[in-house]
Amino acid sequence: MKKLIVLLCLGLLVACEKDDEAIRAQQERMVAEQPITNPFFGEGPMADIEVSDEELREFVLLNMDFGRIQAEARQKIIDILREEELSTDSYNSISHALNMNFTLDEYNFSESDLEKFDIAKERISEVEEEVDEKIESEIEQSNFTMDRFLDLNVAANHNIEIMERAREMALKLTIDDGQD
């Protein structure tokens, strides 16, 4: 369930840095242009739910918080790869080969990179677990049940009206946050 939560929350993610105008401009473009899709659910009755402005606002704010949590995790992962002296490309290539059930003998991975990969993968798994726990905790501390949050996520990914309302709200909240 936790991995699903992280994957479901990717649609509306927006990270906010109050003092960096370049990041803010990029965030505004991402919110305005980002297609919100969810490969786990088809269109249908689950996307047709009623959502008040206040409920949608809380949902968008949660997703913005998730963006900050995931940005911190990305930086931790980058730091792990640097500490293990393993390039992102090498890590991703080894991971891809393993995920596709290829034998590593088919590739020219060095023993050193494979050892570094194993260490990095273990450390990255810990970071991913932390992210899952933080996101689940944020949902539990909100006014949403897990089911309602997931229903809203489906709606925000498949209901055009709710999708547009969520985008507009995220953009407004991002702009308002920058004016503080």
C-alpha atoms as a PDB file:
ATOM      1  CA  MET A   1       0.000   0.000   0.000  1.00  0.00           C
ATOM      2  CA  LYS A   2       2.799   2.408   0.862  1.00  0.00           C
ATOM      3  CA  LYS A   3       4.508   2.126  -2.543  1.00  0.00           C
ATOM      4  CA  LEU A   4       1.137   2.714  -4.177  1.00  0.00           C
ATOM      5  CA  ILE A   5       0.662   5.901  -2.163  1.00  0.00           C
ATOM      6  CA  VAL A   6       3.975   7.312  -3.376  1.00  0.00           C
ATOM      7  CA  LEU A   7       3.159   6.419  -6.969  1.00  0.00           C
ATOM      8  CA  LEU A   8      -0.336   7.869  -6.759  1.00  0.00           C
ATOM      9  CA  CYS A   9       0.853  11.174  -5.378  1.00  0.00           C
ATOM     10  CA  LEU A  10       3.120  11.957  -8.300  1.00  0.00           C
ATOM     11  CA  GLY A  11       0.411  13.713 -10.294  1.00  0.00           C
ATOM     12  CA  LEU A  12       0.208  17.003  -8.403  1.00  0.00           C
ATOM     13  CA  LEU A  13       3.644  17.292  -6.864  1.00  0.00           C
ATOM     14  CA  VAL A  14       5.004  20.786  -6.503  1.00  0.00           C
ATOM     15  CA  ALA A  15       8.005  21.669  -4.353  1.00  0.00           C
ATOM     16  CA  CYS A  16       8.247  25.219  -3.026  1.00  0.00           C
ATOM     17  CA  GLU A  17      11.367  27.214  -2.238  1.00  0.00           C
ATOM     18  CA  LYS A  18      10.399  30.690  -1.027  1.00  0.00           C
ATOM     19  CA  ASP A  19      13.565  32.556  -2.093  1.00  0.00           C
ATOM     20  CA  ASP A  20      14.315  31.078  -5.508  1.00  0.00           C
ATOM     21  CA  GLU A  21      12.421  32.755  -8.367  1.00  0.00           C
ATOM     22  CA  ALA A  22      13.823  30.379 -11.013  1.00  0.00           C
ATOM     23  CA  ILE A  23      12.493  27.361  -9.122  1.00  0.00           C
ATOM     24  CA  ARG A  24       9.169  29.128  -8.570  1.00  0.00           C
ATOM     25  CA  ALA A  25       8.813  29.895 -12.289  1.00  0.00           C
ATOM     26  CA  GLN A  26       9.630  26.295 -13.145  1.00  0.00           C
ATOM     27  CA  GLN A  27       7.072  25.069 -10.613  1.00  0.00           C
ATOM     28  CA  GLU A  28       4.397  27.313 -12.063  1.00  0.00           C
ATOM     29  CA  ARG A  29       5.123  25.965 -15.568  1.00  0.00           C
ATOM     30  CA  MET A  30       5.059  22.385 -14.279  1.00  0.00           C
ATOM     31  CA  VAL A  31       1.717  22.873 -12.556  1.00  0.00           C
ATOM     32  CA  ALA A  32       0.222  24.575 -15.607  1.00  0.00           C
ATOM     33  CA  GLU A  33       1.598  22.100 -18.171  1.00  0.00           C
ATOM     34  CA  GLN A  34       2.000  18.822 -16.326  1.00  0.00           C
ATOM     35  CA  PRO A  35      -0.326  16.091 -17.527  1.00  0.00           C
ATOM     36  CA  ILE A  36      -1.881  14.379 -14.560  1.00  0.00           C
ATOM     37  CA  THR A  37      -2.220  10.703 -15.357  1.00  0.00           C
ATOM     38  CA  ASN A  38      -2.418   7.564 -13.320  1.00  0.00           C
ATOM     39  CA  PRO A  39      -1.650   4.237 -14.984  1.00  0.00           C
ATOM     40  CA  PHE A  40      -3.203   2.215 -12.142  1.00  0.00           C
ATOM     41  CA  PHE A  41      -6.809   3.262 -12.652  1.00  0.00           C
ATOM     42  CA  GLY A  42      -8.999   3.547 -15.688  1.00  0.00           C
ATOM     43  CA  GLU A  43     -11.577   6.206 -16.180  1.00  0.00           C
ATOM     44  CA  GLY A  44     -14.926   5.458 -14.677  1.00  0.00           C
ATOM     45  CA  PRO A  45     -17.257   6.045 -11.763  1.00  0.00           C
ATOM     46  CA  MET A  46     -14.458   6.423  -9.199  1.00  0.00           C
ATOM     47  CA  ALA A  47     -13.387   9.602 -10.969  1.00  0.00           C
ATOM     48  CA  ASP A  48     -16.918  11.026 -10.686  1.00  0.00           C
ATOM     49  CA  ILE A  49     -17.014  12.234  -7.098  1.00  0.00           C
ATOM     50  CA  GLU A  50     -17.997  15.475  -5.429  1.00  0.00           C
ATOM     51  CA  VAL A  51     -15.104  17.518  -4.028  1.00  0.00           C
ATOM     52  CA  SER A  52     -15.546  20.756  -2.100  1.00  0.00           C
ATOM     53  CA  ASP A  53     -13.068  23.582  -2.577  1.00  0.00           C
ATOM     54  CA  GLU A  54     -11.811  23.148   0.994  1.00  0.00           C
ATOM     55  CA  GLU A  55     -11.308  19.410   0.537  1.00  0.00           C
ATOM     56  CA  LEU A  56      -9.522  19.944  -2.775  1.00  0.00           C
ATOM     57  CA  ARG A  57      -7.330  22.629  -1.181  1.00  0.00           C
ATOM     58  CA  GLU A  58      -6.254  20.230   1.572  1.00  0.00           C
ATOM     59  CA  PHE A  59      -5.596  17.533  -1.031  1.00  0.00           C
ATOM     60  CA  VAL A  60      -3.438  19.895  -3.107  1.00  0.00           C
ATOM     61  CA  LEU A  61      -1.537  21.081  -0.020  1.00  0.00           C
ATOM     62  CA  LEU A  62      -0.844  17.462   0.939  1.00  0.00           C
ATOM     63  CA  ASN A  63       0.517  16.790  -2.526  1.00  0.00           C
ATOM     64  CA  MET A  64       2.699  19.873  -2.302  1.00  0.00           C
ATOM     65  CA  ASP A  65       4.054  18.551   1.014  1.00  0.00           C
ATOM     66  CA  PHE A  66       4.694  15.202  -0.674  1.00  0.00           C
ATOM     67  CA  GLY A  67       6.695  17.059  -3.301  1.00  0.00           C
ATOM     68  CA  ARG A  68       8.936  18.526  -0.622  1.00  0.00           C
ATOM     69  CA  ILE A  69       9.332  15.119   1.035  1.00  0.00           C
ATOM     70  CA  GLN A  70      10.258  13.517  -2.275  1.00  0.00           C
ATOM     71  CA  ALA A  71      12.667  16.337  -3.180  1.00  0.00           C
ATOM     72  CA  GLU A  72      14.498  15.753   0.099  1.00  0.00           C
ATOM     73  CA  ALA A  73      14.585  12.025  -0.662  1.00  0.00           C
ATOM     74  CA  ARG A  74      15.981  12.644  -4.161  1.00  0.00           C
ATOM     75  CA  GLN A  75      18.804  14.664  -2.635  1.00  0.00           C
ATOM     76  CA  LYS A  76      19.526  11.890  -0.121  1.00  0.00           C
ATOM     77  CA  ILE A  77      19.653   9.374  -2.975  1.00  0.00           C
ATOM     78  CA  ILE A  78      22.040  11.582  -4.945  1.00  0.00           C
ATOM     79  CA  ASP A  79      24.212  11.882  -1.835  1.00  0.00           C
ATOM     80  CA  ILE A  80      24.175   8.090  -1.369  1.00  0.00           C
ATOM     81  CA  LEU A  81      25.302   7.517  -4.952  1.00  0.00           C
ATOM     82  CA  ARG A  82      28.084  10.097  -4.536  1.00  0.00           C
ATOM     83  CA  GLU A  83      29.224   8.514  -1.270  1.00  0.00           C
ATOM     84  CA  GLU A  84      29.269   5.091  -2.913  1.00  0.00           C
ATOM     85  CA  GLU A  85      31.089   6.588  -5.925  1.00  0.00           C
ATOM     86  CA  LEU A  86      28.489   5.160  -8.294  1.00  0.00           C
ATOM     87  CA  SER A  87      27.098   7.196 -11.175  1.00  0.00           C
ATOM     88  CA  THR A  88      23.384   7.574 -11.599  1.00  0.00           C
ATOM     89  CA  ASP A  89      23.692   5.982 -15.047  1.00  0.00           C
ATOM     90  CA  SER A  90      25.475   2.932 -13.638  1.00  0.00           C
ATOM     91  CA  TYR A  91      22.952   2.553 -10.830  1.00  0.00           C
ATOM     92  CA  ASN A  92      20.022   2.877 -13.230  1.00  0.00           C
ATOM     93  CA  SER A  93      21.555   0.478 -15.759  1.00  0.00           C
ATOM     94  CA  ILE A  94      22.168  -2.215 -13.156  1.00  0.00           C
ATOM     95  CA  SER A  95      18.738  -1.672 -11.642  1.00  0.00           C
ATOM     96  CA  HIS A  96      17.106  -1.895 -15.071  1.00  0.00           C
ATOM     97  CA  ALA A  97      18.958  -5.101 -15.895  1.00  0.00           C
ATOM     98  CA  LEU A  98      17.880  -6.670 -12.612  1.00  0.00           C
ATOM     99  CA  ASN A  99      14.279  -5.500 -12.966  1.00  0.00           C
ATOM    100  CA  MET A 100      14.094  -6.983 -16.457  1.00  0.00           C
ATOM    101  CA  ASN A 101      15.481 -10.267 -15.106  1.00  0.00           C
ATOM    102  CA  PHE A 102      18.512 -10.096 -17.365  1.00  0.00           C
ATOM    103  CA  THR A 103      21.618 -11.894 -16.233  1.00  0.00           C
ATOM    104  CA  LEU A 104      24.323  -9.463 -15.292  1.00  0.00           C
ATOM    105  CA  ASP A 105      26.808 -11.500 -17.336  1.00  0.00           C
ATOM    106  CA  GLU A 106      25.228  -9.992 -20.466  1.00  0.00           C
ATOM    107  CA  TYR A 107      26.506  -6.569 -19.428  1.00  0.00           C
ATOM    108  CA  ASN A 108      29.926  -5.162 -18.767  1.00  0.00           C
ATOM    109  CA  PHE A 109      29.299  -4.114 -15.176  1.00  0.00           C
ATOM    110  CA  SER A 110      32.413  -4.131 -13.069  1.00  0.00           C
ATOM    111  CA  GLU A 111      32.479  -6.108  -9.836  1.00  0.00           C
ATOM    112  CA  SER A 112      33.196  -2.851  -8.059  1.00  0.00           C
ATOM    113  CA  ASP A 113      30.044  -1.223  -9.491  1.00  0.00           C
ATOM    114  CA  LEU A 114      27.958  -4.261  -8.584  1.00  0.00           C
ATOM    115  CA  GLU A 115      29.206  -4.120  -4.995  1.00  0.00           C
ATOM    116  CA  LYS A 116      28.551  -0.376  -4.848  1.00  0.00           C
ATOM    117  CA  PHE A 117      25.104  -0.964  -6.328  1.00  0.00           C
ATOM    118  CA  ASP A 118      24.199  -3.494  -3.621  1.00  0.00           C
ATOM    119  CA  ILE A 119      25.226  -1.088  -0.860  1.00  0.00           C
ATOM    120  CA  ALA A 120      23.508   1.892  -2.493  1.00  0.00           C
ATOM    121  CA  LYS A 121      20.335  -0.101  -3.173  1.00  0.00           C
ATOM    122  CA  GLU A 122      20.052  -1.072   0.482  1.00  0.00           C
ATOM    123  CA  ARG A 123      20.557   2.519   1.616  1.00  0.00           C
ATOM    124  CA  ILE A 124      18.139   3.853  -1.004  1.00  0.00           C
ATOM    125  CA  SER A 125      15.518   1.329   0.127  1.00  0.00           C
ATOM    126  CA  GLU A 126      15.766   2.825   3.617  1.00  0.00           C
ATOM    127  CA  VAL A 127      15.196   6.314   2.188  1.00  0.00           C
ATOM    128  CA  GLU A 128      12.193   5.047   0.218  1.00  0.00           C
ATOM    129  CA  GLU A 129      10.740   3.480   3.369  1.00  0.00           C
ATOM    130  CA  GLU A 130      11.159   6.808   5.180  1.00  0.00           C
ATOM    131  CA  VAL A 131       9.317   8.576   2.366  1.00  0.00           C
ATOM    132  CA  ASP A 132       6.489   6.023   2.467  1.00  0.00           C
ATOM    133  CA  GLU A 133       6.182   6.439   6.235  1.00  0.00           C
ATOM    134  CA  LYS A 134       6.184  10.243   6.039  1.00  0.00           C
ATOM    135  CA  ILE A 135       3.549  10.293   3.307  1.00  0.00           C
ATOM    136  CA  GLU A 136       1.359   7.799   5.111  1.00  0.00           C
ATOM    137  CA  SER A 137       1.733   9.804   8.329  1.00  0.00           C
ATOM    138  CA  GLU A 138       0.795  13.041   6.540  1.00  0.00           C
ATOM    139  CA  ILE A 139      -2.364  11.404   5.191  1.00  0.00           C
ATOM    140  CA  GLU A 140      -3.248   9.991   8.614  1.00  0.00           C
ATOM    141  CA  GLN A 141      -2.777  13.431  10.210  1.00  0.00           C
ATOM    142  CA  SER A 142      -4.973  15.086   7.598  1.00  0.00           C
ATOM    143  CA  ASN A 143      -8.751  15.157   7.548  1.00  0.00           C
ATOM    144  CA  PHE A 144      -8.750  12.318   5.004  1.00  0.00           C
ATOM    145  CA  THR A 145      -9.154   8.622   5.420  1.00  0.00           C
ATOM    146  CA  MET A 146      -6.786   6.651   3.209  1.00  0.00           C
ATOM    147  CA  ASP A 147      -9.722   5.591   1.035  1.00  0.00           C
ATOM    148  CA  ARG A 148     -10.926   9.172   0.566  1.00  0.00           C
ATOM    149  CA  PHE A 149      -7.422  10.376  -0.253  1.00  0.00           C
ATOM    150  CA  LEU A 150      -7.019   7.637  -2.866  1.00  0.00           C
ATOM    151  CA  ASP A 151     -10.467   8.424  -4.312  1.00  0.00           C
ATOM    152  CA  LEU A 152      -9.508  12.093  -4.621  1.00  0.00           C
ATOM    153  CA  ASN A 153      -6.257  11.107  -6.256  1.00  0.00           C
ATOM    154  CA  VAL A 154      -8.111   9.049  -8.858  1.00  0.00           C
ATOM    155  CA  ALA A 155     -10.515  11.927  -9.444  1.00  0.00           C
ATOM    156  CA  ALA A 156      -7.659  14.428  -9.768  1.00  0.00           C
ATOM    157  CA  ASN A 157      -6.110  12.178 -12.391  1.00  0.00           C
ATOM    158  CA  HIS A 158      -9.203  11.319 -14.427  1.00  0.00           C
ATOM    159  CA  ASN A 159     -11.937  13.885 -13.913  1.00  0.00           C
ATOM    160  CA  ILE A 160     -11.192  16.882 -16.165  1.00  0.00           C
ATOM    161  CA  GLU A 161     -13.084  19.344 -13.959  1.00  0.00           C
ATOM    162  CA  ILE A 162     -11.375  18.242 -10.737  1.00  0.00           C
ATOM    163  CA  MET A 163      -8.017  18.019 -12.532  1.00  0.00           C
ATOM    164  CA  GLU A 164      -8.318  21.637 -13.706  1.00  0.00           C
ATOM    165  CA  ARG A 165      -9.531  22.839 -10.307  1.00  0.00           C
ATOM    166  CA  ALA A 166      -6.568  21.090  -8.649  1.00  0.00           C
ATOM    167  CA  ARG A 167      -4.078  22.608 -11.113  1.00  0.00           C
ATOM    168  CA  GLU A 168      -5.504  26.091 -10.660  1.00  0.00           C
ATOM    169  CA  MET A 169      -5.478  25.714  -6.891  1.00  0.00           C
ATOM    170  CA  ALA A 170      -1.886  24.398  -6.886  1.00  0.00           C
ATOM    171  CA  LEU A 171      -0.774  27.297  -9.058  1.00  0.00           C
ATOM    172  CA  LYS A 172      -2.563  29.815  -6.842  1.00  0.00           C
ATOM    173  CA  LEU A 173      -1.103  28.286  -3.675  1.00  0.00           C
ATOM    174  CA  THR A 174       2.378  28.310  -5.218  1.00  0.00           C
ATOM    175  CA  ILE A 175       2.042  31.961  -6.201  1.00  0.00           C
ATOM    176  CA  ASP A 176       0.528  32.919  -2.823  1.00  0.00           C
ATOM    177  CA  ASP A 177       3.347  31.083  -1.040  1.00  0.00           C
ATOM    178  CA  GLY A 178       5.880  33.145  -2.990  1.00  0.00           C
ATOM    179  CA  GLN A 179       4.311  36.388  -1.863  1.00  0.00           C
ATOM    180  CA  ASP A 180       4.795  35.648   1.837  1.00  0.00           C
END
